[in-house]
Amino acid sequence: MLRILKPLVLLTVVLSSSQAADWKLVWSDEFDRPGAPDPTKWTYEKGFVRNQELQFYTTDRRENARVENGHLVIEARHEAFPNPAFKEGATDWAKSRKEAEYTSTSLITQGLKSFRYGKIEVRAKIPGGKGIWPAIWMLGDSRGKSPWPACGEIDIMEFVSHKPKVVHGTLHFAKPATTKDHASEGGKTLSDTLHSDFHTYGIEWDEKTIVVTFDAKPYFTYTIDHAGTGADNPFRKPFYLLLNVAVGGSWGKDPDPQVYPQRMEIDWVRVSEKP
């Protein structure tokens, strides 16, 4: 029996080393320093940002974003929070509310680090309360100069509570030869343990395809040329990373305030490239 086991152990080590050699880690956050998220790696979106969501994204507030016990915690809370952009009589959804009913955080690498191609993976345990909308995703660095969806969007993981057990991976882009005509392609996968266990959400991205993975298993492949051939395709340009927990909004739908706070816990974020 020992003579059989020893070669098997050696073979396993060789295969593991070979697989590891296929990728080289180039950027990561292991969340091993308690307190605020690392300011050299993360900054914040602020306020009411998109999709008529109910949460106010706060900045550098431990109640909504902190590192503890080796995990990043992004926590959505049901609480009143003043809206500094409020204007009496405003019709703009982001300015018409004197205060928010919910708070949360959206951490981003914009201006600090961007990525073009490679393997991007995030190991996380996601929340599941009614009205919750956590996401792990990317936006093109050209956002601002190029209107959405022309800048491109890569949704590595999205979950909404009214679609239980379902994880979505989606690409958003402008139809070729346009800047505003929205198109999207995506896939989904199922799991019974999204809220009780950590899972690894990822993409493998090169100049031809973006493969969306769940626990390292592919479930959707996007052909980049669908957004246009050549260098102007947004998916052949750099993107930055976002980690957020939204509440309500156009896809999250109505929340139940009794189930909050809700939190997404992230064990690590790792970006690798082919050597």
Foldseek 3Di string as FASTA:
>chain_A
DVVVVVVVVVVVVVVVVVVVLQKAFDDKDQLPDWFADDPLQKFWDAAPDDQLFQATADGRDVVAWIRDPRKIKGKKAQDWAAQPLADPPDPPSRHPDRTGRIYTTKIKRQPNDWDAFFKKKWKKQFWQAQQKKWWKWKWANCDVVADPPQLKIWTQWIDANVPPQKTKTKIWHAQPPDRPHIDMDIDIDGDPCSNPGIWMGMWGADPFWIFTDINNHTDDIDGQCRRPDDDSRSSRHIIMIMTIMTGDGPPNHHGDNVPDTIIMIISMITTIHGD
